């Protein structure tokens, strides 16, 4: 594994105890130039993970606390009239950062949630008729509470699809929880973290991800997974071509994290739960939440060419 990447993972594991797989998934998502959605109960470390990644990767960071009364201008920015020169001066919102934490994103109204769409897809923001580019690299890490909790609004399907991955942290195991209870406050540890790479190094690694080799037989495997979800009677809709591209990009990033220059089927299987679960809906009209179960079903149903 690339040494700076190893340092980032090691530093993150010192803060987020007992979750090495989730940390690697989050880092793979960023290396694949994707946005990350973390869905789980309050208090399991969703916001902390975003802070750790921002500090470890040396990125400019902004946090947006989503609430029910938030407006799109609170995210994008607004022009303010200055009497001294008689002009409107644009004051950029918190979206103009390299890493944006959209905390509890599903507590905002759908109109406000949609303010993120253009930024996530085009890496630009249109405010008052003017289009402004966002910094590079640009990531959105959004956290959301389970939909059954009071005061939440479901994310539109179009916005869910903008997230390359959705992951869940879950409760820590007994040993990790003991370390949390007996150790130093996580906020103090996060405040003392140092960058393990620069933004330019991260962008160079993103270019390396694109060069990871994918064989024709591996493409056959990805296509077989996509075709199975479209033909299965279990799902309302199958995975889209964009989902296929996301699956391939995430698998390339996972291979790079393992220090390999080519993708193998196990890479696809490792990232499949994060890429697929938020894009598939069962015919019982419920969102699929058990990513590991879904991945096992797909792995068992689709043979490796």
Protein backbone atom coordinates (compact mmCIF):
# COMPACT_ATOMS: atom_id res chain seq x y z
CA UNK A 1 0.00 0.00 0.00
CA UNK A 2 1.11 3.56 -0.69
CA UNK A 3 2.85 4.86 2.48
CA UNK A 4 0.77 8.05 2.92
CA UNK A 5 -2.41 5.99 2.50
CA UNK A 6 -1.17 3.56 5.12
CA UNK A 7 -0.52 6.47 7.49
CA UNK A 8 -4.01 7.88 6.89
CA UNK A 9 -5.62 4.52 7.70
CA UNK A 10 -3.44 3.96 10.77
CA UNK A 11 -4.25 7.42 12.12
CA UNK A 12 -7.97 6.96 11.48
CA UNK A 13 -7.97 3.59 13.27
CA UNK A 14 -6.54 5.28 16.37
CA UNK A 15 -9.71 7.37 16.60
CA UNK A 16 -12.45 5.18 15.10
CA UNK A 17 -11.83 1.99 17.04
CA UNK A 18 -12.82 -1.42 15.72
CA UNK A 19 -13.98 -0.22 12.27
CA UNK A 20 -11.06 -0.91 9.86
CA UNK A 21 -13.32 -2.09 7.02
CA UNK A 22 -15.54 1.00 7.16
CA UNK A 23 -12.48 3.28 7.22
CA UNK A 24 -11.09 1.60 4.11
CA UNK A 25 -14.47 1.84 2.37
CA UNK A 26 -14.66 5.57 3.13
CA UNK A 27 -11.13 6.14 1.84
CA UNK A 28 -11.82 4.06 -1.28
CA UNK A 29 -14.88 6.21 -1.95
CA UNK A 30 -12.79 9.39 -1.84
CA UNK A 31 -10.03 7.87 -3.99
CA UNK A 32 -12.70 6.99 -6.57
CA UNK A 33 -13.73 10.69 -6.65
CA UNK A 34 -17.07 9.87 -5.05
CA UNK A 35 -19.25 11.28 -2.30
CA UNK A 36 -19.99 9.33 0.86
CA UNK A 37 -23.23 8.87 2.81
CA UNK A 38 -22.94 7.54 6.37
CA UNK A 39 -26.27 6.35 7.77
CA UNK A 40 -26.59 5.19 11.35
CA UNK A 41 -27.90 5.97 14.79
CA UNK A 42 -26.69 9.12 16.56
CA UNK A 43 -23.52 8.73 18.58
CA UNK A 44 -21.67 5.96 16.72
CA UNK A 45 -18.95 8.17 15.21
CA UNK A 46 -20.30 9.37 11.85
CA UNK A 47 -19.24 13.01 12.28
CA UNK A 48 -15.96 12.01 13.91
CA UNK A 49 -15.02 9.89 10.89
CA UNK A 50 -15.55 12.86 8.57
CA UNK A 51 -13.36 15.09 10.77
CA UNK A 52 -10.64 12.44 10.89
CA UNK A 53 -10.56 12.03 7.10
CA UNK A 54 -10.45 15.78 6.49
CA UNK A 55 -7.55 16.30 8.91
CA UNK A 56 -5.63 13.23 7.78
CA UNK A 57 -5.94 14.13 4.09
CA UNK A 58 -5.02 17.79 4.64
CA UNK A 59 -8.23 19.14 3.12
CA UNK A 60 -10.01 22.44 3.69
CA UNK A 61 -13.06 21.48 5.74
CA UNK A 62 -16.51 22.95 6.32
CA UNK A 63 -19.35 21.51 8.39
CA UNK A 64 -23.01 22.27 7.66
CA UNK A 65 -25.53 21.33 10.33
CA UNK A 66 -28.75 20.63 8.43
CA UNK A 67 -32.01 21.70 10.12
CA UNK A 68 -35.64 21.86 9.03
CA UNK A 69 -35.56 25.66 8.60
CA UNK A 70 -32.36 25.78 6.52
CA UNK A 71 -32.52 27.47 3.10
CA UNK A 72 -30.43 26.77 -0.04
CA UNK A 73 -28.70 30.15 0.40
CA UNK A 74 -27.35 28.91 3.73
CA UNK A 75 -25.38 26.32 1.77
CA UNK A 76 -24.51 28.09 -1.49
CA UNK A 77 -24.01 31.66 -0.31
CA UNK A 78 -25.66 35.00 -1.04
CA UNK A 79 -24.87 38.43 -2.50
CA UNK A 80 -24.96 41.31 -0.03
CA UNK A 81 -25.36 44.96 -1.05
CA UNK A 82 -22.52 47.23 0.08
CA UNK A 83 -23.51 50.86 0.40
CA UNK A 84 -19.95 52.18 0.16
CA UNK A 85 -19.39 51.11 -3.44
CA UNK A 86 -23.02 50.52 -4.47
CA UNK A 87 -22.35 46.92 -5.53
CA UNK A 88 -23.52 43.46 -4.57
CA UNK A 89 -20.66 41.35 -3.22
CA UNK A 90 -21.01 37.57 -3.24
CA UNK A 91 -20.33 35.85 0.08
CA UNK A 92 -19.66 32.17 -0.62
CA UNK A 93 -21.42 29.58 1.51
CA UNK A 94 -19.82 26.59 3.23
CA UNK A 95 -20.17 24.48 0.06
CA UNK A 96 -17.01 26.20 -1.23
CA UNK A 97 -14.58 23.88 0.55
CA UNK A 98 -12.61 20.79 -0.43
CA UNK A 99 -14.47 18.56 2.01
CA UNK A 100 -17.99 19.42 3.12
CA UNK A 101 -19.68 17.58 5.97
CA UNK A 102 -23.45 17.69 5.50
CA UNK A 103 -24.36 16.66 9.02
CA UNK A 104 -27.80 15.07 9.50
CA UNK A 105 -28.64 15.90 5.89
CA UNK A 106 -32.09 14.30 6.07
CA UNK A 107 -33.29 16.78 8.70
CA UNK A 108 -33.51 19.48 6.00
CA UNK A 109 -36.44 19.99 3.65
CA UNK A 110 -36.11 18.39 0.19
CA UNK A 111 -35.66 21.82 -1.46
CA UNK A 112 -32.61 22.46 0.69
CA UNK A 113 -31.25 18.96 0.15
CA UNK A 114 -31.43 19.51 -3.60
CA UNK A 115 -29.05 22.48 -3.29
CA UNK A 116 -26.29 19.88 -3.07
CA UNK A 117 -27.14 18.16 -6.37
CA UNK A 118 -25.29 20.41 -8.80
CA UNK A 119 -22.29 20.69 -6.52
CA UNK A 120 -21.98 16.92 -6.16
CA UNK A 121 -22.43 16.17 -9.85
CA UNK A 122 -20.74 19.09 -11.61
CA UNK A 123 -18.34 20.40 -8.94
CA UNK A 124 -19.82 23.86 -9.39
CA UNK A 125 -22.55 25.97 -7.82
CA UNK A 126 -24.96 28.28 -9.61
CA UNK A 127 -26.06 31.16 -7.40
CA UNK A 128 -28.18 34.06 -8.62
CA UNK A 129 -27.51 33.16 -12.26
CA UNK A 130 -23.72 32.93 -11.95
CA UNK A 131 -21.89 29.60 -12.04
CA UNK A 132 -18.88 29.33 -9.76
CA UNK A 133 -16.41 26.42 -9.67
CA UNK A 134 -15.80 24.57 -6.44
CA UNK A 135 -12.33 23.76 -5.08
CA UNK A 136 -10.49 20.64 -6.20
CA UNK A 137 -10.61 18.03 -4.88
CA UNK A 138 -14.23 18.31 -3.75
CA UNK A 139 -16.04 15.79 -1.57
CA UNK A 140 -19.33 15.69 0.27
CA UNK A 141 -19.59 13.42 3.29
CA UNK A 142 -23.19 13.40 4.45
CA UNK A 143 -24.51 11.80 7.61
CA UNK A 144 -28.11 10.87 8.18
CA UNK A 145 -30.14 9.29 10.91
CA UNK A 146 -32.41 6.31 10.15
CA UNK A 147 -35.57 7.37 8.32
CA UNK A 148 -37.86 6.15 11.11
CA UNK A 149 -36.53 8.79 13.52
CA UNK A 150 -38.61 11.88 14.26
CA UNK A 151 -37.91 14.98 12.18
CA UNK A 152 -36.32 13.36 9.13
CA UNK A 153 -37.16 13.78 5.44
CA UNK A 154 -36.22 10.96 3.03
CA UNK A 155 -33.47 11.83 0.58
CA UNK A 156 -34.77 12.02 -3.01
CA UNK A 157 -33.69 9.09 -5.18
CA UNK A 158 -31.83 11.49 -7.48
CA UNK A 159 -29.74 12.69 -4.56
CA UNK A 160 -29.13 9.21 -3.17
CA UNK A 161 -27.71 8.24 -6.57
CA UNK A 162 -25.16 11.08 -6.33
CA UNK A 163 -23.46 9.26 -3.45
CA UNK A 164 -20.99 6.69 -4.68
CA UNK A 165 -21.27 4.79 -1.39
CA UNK A 166 -23.49 4.48 1.64
CA UNK A 167 -21.92 2.85 4.69
CA UNK A 168 -22.97 2.12 8.26
CA UNK A 169 -20.65 2.11 11.27
CA UNK A 170 -22.79 0.20 13.75
CA UNK A 171 -22.06 -0.39 17.40
CA UNK A 172 -18.43 -1.14 18.34
CA UNK A 173 -17.48 -4.58 19.61
CA UNK A 174 -16.79 -5.04 23.31
CA UNK A 175 -13.03 -4.52 23.06
CA UNK A 176 -13.33 -1.36 20.96
CA UNK A 177 -16.04 0.05 23.21
CA UNK A 178 -13.87 -0.58 26.27
CA UNK A 179 -11.10 1.39 24.59
CA UNK A 180 -13.52 4.25 23.94
CA UNK A 181 -14.75 4.28 27.53
CA UNK A 182 -11.31 4.08 29.11
CA UNK A 183 -9.42 6.25 26.63
CA UNK A 184 -8.97 9.93 25.91
CA UNK A 185 -11.91 11.99 24.63
CA UNK A 186 -12.20 11.52 20.84
CA UNK A 187 -12.48 15.28 20.27
CA UNK A 188 -9.10 15.83 21.91
CA UNK A 189 -7.52 13.16 19.72
CA UNK A 190 -9.05 14.61 16.55
CA UNK A 191 -7.79 18.10 17.45
CA UNK A 192 -4.25 16.72 17.64
CA UNK A 193 -4.26 14.89 14.29
CA UNK A 194 -1.78 15.97 11.65
CA UNK A 195 -2.15 15.75 7.84
CA UNK A 196 -0.60 12.60 6.41
CA UNK A 197 -0.70 13.87 2.82
CA UNK A 198 -1.47 17.01 0.85
CA UNK A 199 -4.43 17.62 -1.43
CA UNK A 200 -2.13 17.41 -4.47
CA UNK A 201 -1.01 13.92 -3.41
CA UNK A 202 -4.62 12.84 -3.04
CA UNK A 203 -5.44 14.08 -6.54
CA UNK A 204 -2.42 12.18 -7.89
CA UNK A 205 -3.70 9.01 -6.22
CA UNK A 206 -7.10 9.58 -7.81
CA UNK A 207 -5.37 9.56 -11.18
CA UNK A 208 -3.61 6.31 -10.24
CA UNK A 209 -6.97 4.75 -9.48
CA UNK A 210 -8.04 5.36 -13.08
CA UNK A 211 -4.98 3.44 -14.29
CA UNK A 212 -5.75 0.26 -12.32
CA UNK A 213 -6.27 -2.48 -14.90
CA UNK A 214 -9.68 -4.07 -15.43
CA UNK A 215 -9.78 -7.24 -17.53
CA UNK A 216 -12.59 -8.08 -19.98
CA UNK A 217 -13.65 -10.98 -17.75
CA UNK A 218 -13.93 -8.62 -14.77
CA UNK A 219 -16.14 -6.35 -16.86
CA UNK A 220 -18.26 -9.42 -17.65
CA UNK A 221 -18.64 -10.00 -13.91
CA UNK A 222 -19.75 -6.42 -13.23
CA UNK A 223 -22.23 -6.57 -16.11
CA UNK A 224 -23.60 -9.87 -14.82
CA UNK A 225 -24.26 -8.25 -11.41
CA UNK A 226 -26.03 -5.31 -13.05
CA UNK A 227 -28.10 -7.61 -15.25
CA UNK A 228 -29.13 -9.78 -12.31
CA UNK A 229 -30.50 -6.80 -10.36
CA UNK A 230 -32.49 -5.71 -13.42
CA UNK A 231 -33.95 -9.13 -14.09
CA UNK A 232 -34.60 -10.16 -10.49
CA UNK A 233 -38.18 -9.99 -9.24
CA UNK A 234 -36.97 -8.79 -5.85
CA UNK A 235 -36.10 -5.21 -6.85
CA UNK A 236 -38.32 -2.40 -8.15
CA UNK A 237 -35.51 -1.21 -10.43
CA UNK A 238 -32.10 -2.65 -11.16
CA UNK A 239 -28.78 -0.89 -10.89
CA UNK A 240 -28.23 1.89 -13.44
CA UNK A 241 -25.21 2.34 -15.73
CA UNK A 242 -24.00 5.06 -13.33
CA UNK A 243 -24.11 2.48 -10.54
CA UNK A 244 -21.99 0.18 -12.69
CA UNK A 245 -19.41 2.91 -13.21
CA UNK A 246 -19.43 3.63 -9.48
CA UNK A 247 -18.93 -0.06 -8.68
CA UNK A 248 -15.99 -0.25 -11.07
CA UNK A 249 -14.37 2.95 -9.75
CA UNK A 250 -14.73 1.79 -6.14
CA UNK A 251 -13.26 -1.62 -6.98
CA UNK A 252 -10.28 0.05 -8.64
CA UNK A 253 -9.73 2.17 -5.52
CA UNK A 254 -10.00 -0.92 -3.29
CA UNK A 255 -7.36 -2.67 -5.41
CA UNK A 256 -5.06 0.35 -5.07
CA UNK A 257 -5.50 0.29 -1.29
CA UNK A 258 -4.37 -3.35 -1.38
CA UNK A 259 -1.33 -2.37 -3.44
CA UNK A 260 -2.44 -4.12 -6.62
CA UNK A 261 -2.42 -2.80 -10.18
CA UNK A 262 -5.39 -4.89 -11.38
CA UNK A 263 -8.92 -5.48 -10.11
CA UNK A 264 -9.97 -8.96 -9.00
CA UNK A 265 -13.54 -10.18 -8.28
CA UNK A 266 -12.94 -9.93 -4.52
CA UNK A 267 -12.48 -6.15 -4.93
CA UNK A 268 -15.92 -5.88 -6.52
CA UNK A 269 -17.44 -8.00 -3.75
CA UNK A 270 -15.78 -5.88 -1.03
CA UNK A 271 -17.29 -2.59 -2.23
CA UNK A 272 -20.60 -4.00 -3.49
CA UNK A 273 -22.60 -3.42 -0.26
CA UNK A 274 -21.60 0.25 -0.10
CA UNK A 275 -22.33 0.93 -3.77
CA UNK A 276 -25.56 -1.05 -4.24
CA UNK A 277 -27.73 -0.90 -1.12
CA UNK A 278 -28.91 2.72 -1.37
CA UNK A 279 -29.69 2.27 -5.07
CA UNK A 280 -31.90 -0.80 -4.74
CA UNK A 281 -35.43 -0.92 -3.39
CA UNK A 282 -37.30 -4.14 -2.74
CA UNK A 283 -40.74 -4.84 -4.16
CA UNK A 284 -42.06 -4.62 -0.59
CA UNK A 285 -41.41 -0.85 -0.89
CA UNK A 286 -38.69 -0.76 1.73
CA UNK A 287 -35.14 0.52 1.37
CA UNK A 288 -32.62 -2.27 1.64
CA UNK A 289 -30.49 -1.57 4.70
CA UNK A 290 -28.58 -4.81 5.30
CA UNK A 291 -25.68 -4.36 2.90
CA UNK A 292 -23.85 -7.53 3.89
CA UNK A 293 -26.95 -9.67 3.31
CA UNK A 294 -27.55 -8.05 -0.08
CA UNK A 295 -23.93 -8.59 -1.10
CA UNK A 296 -24.05 -12.26 -0.09
CA UNK A 297 -27.20 -12.75 -2.15
CA UNK A 298 -25.65 -11.12 -5.23
CA UNK A 299 -22.36 -13.00 -4.82
CA UNK A 300 -24.22 -16.30 -4.53
CA UNK A 301 -26.54 -15.52 -7.46
CA UNK A 302 -23.91 -14.25 -9.91
CA UNK A 303 -21.10 -16.61 -10.91
CA UNK A 304 -17.59 -15.28 -11.49
CA UNK A 305 -16.76 -15.70 -15.21
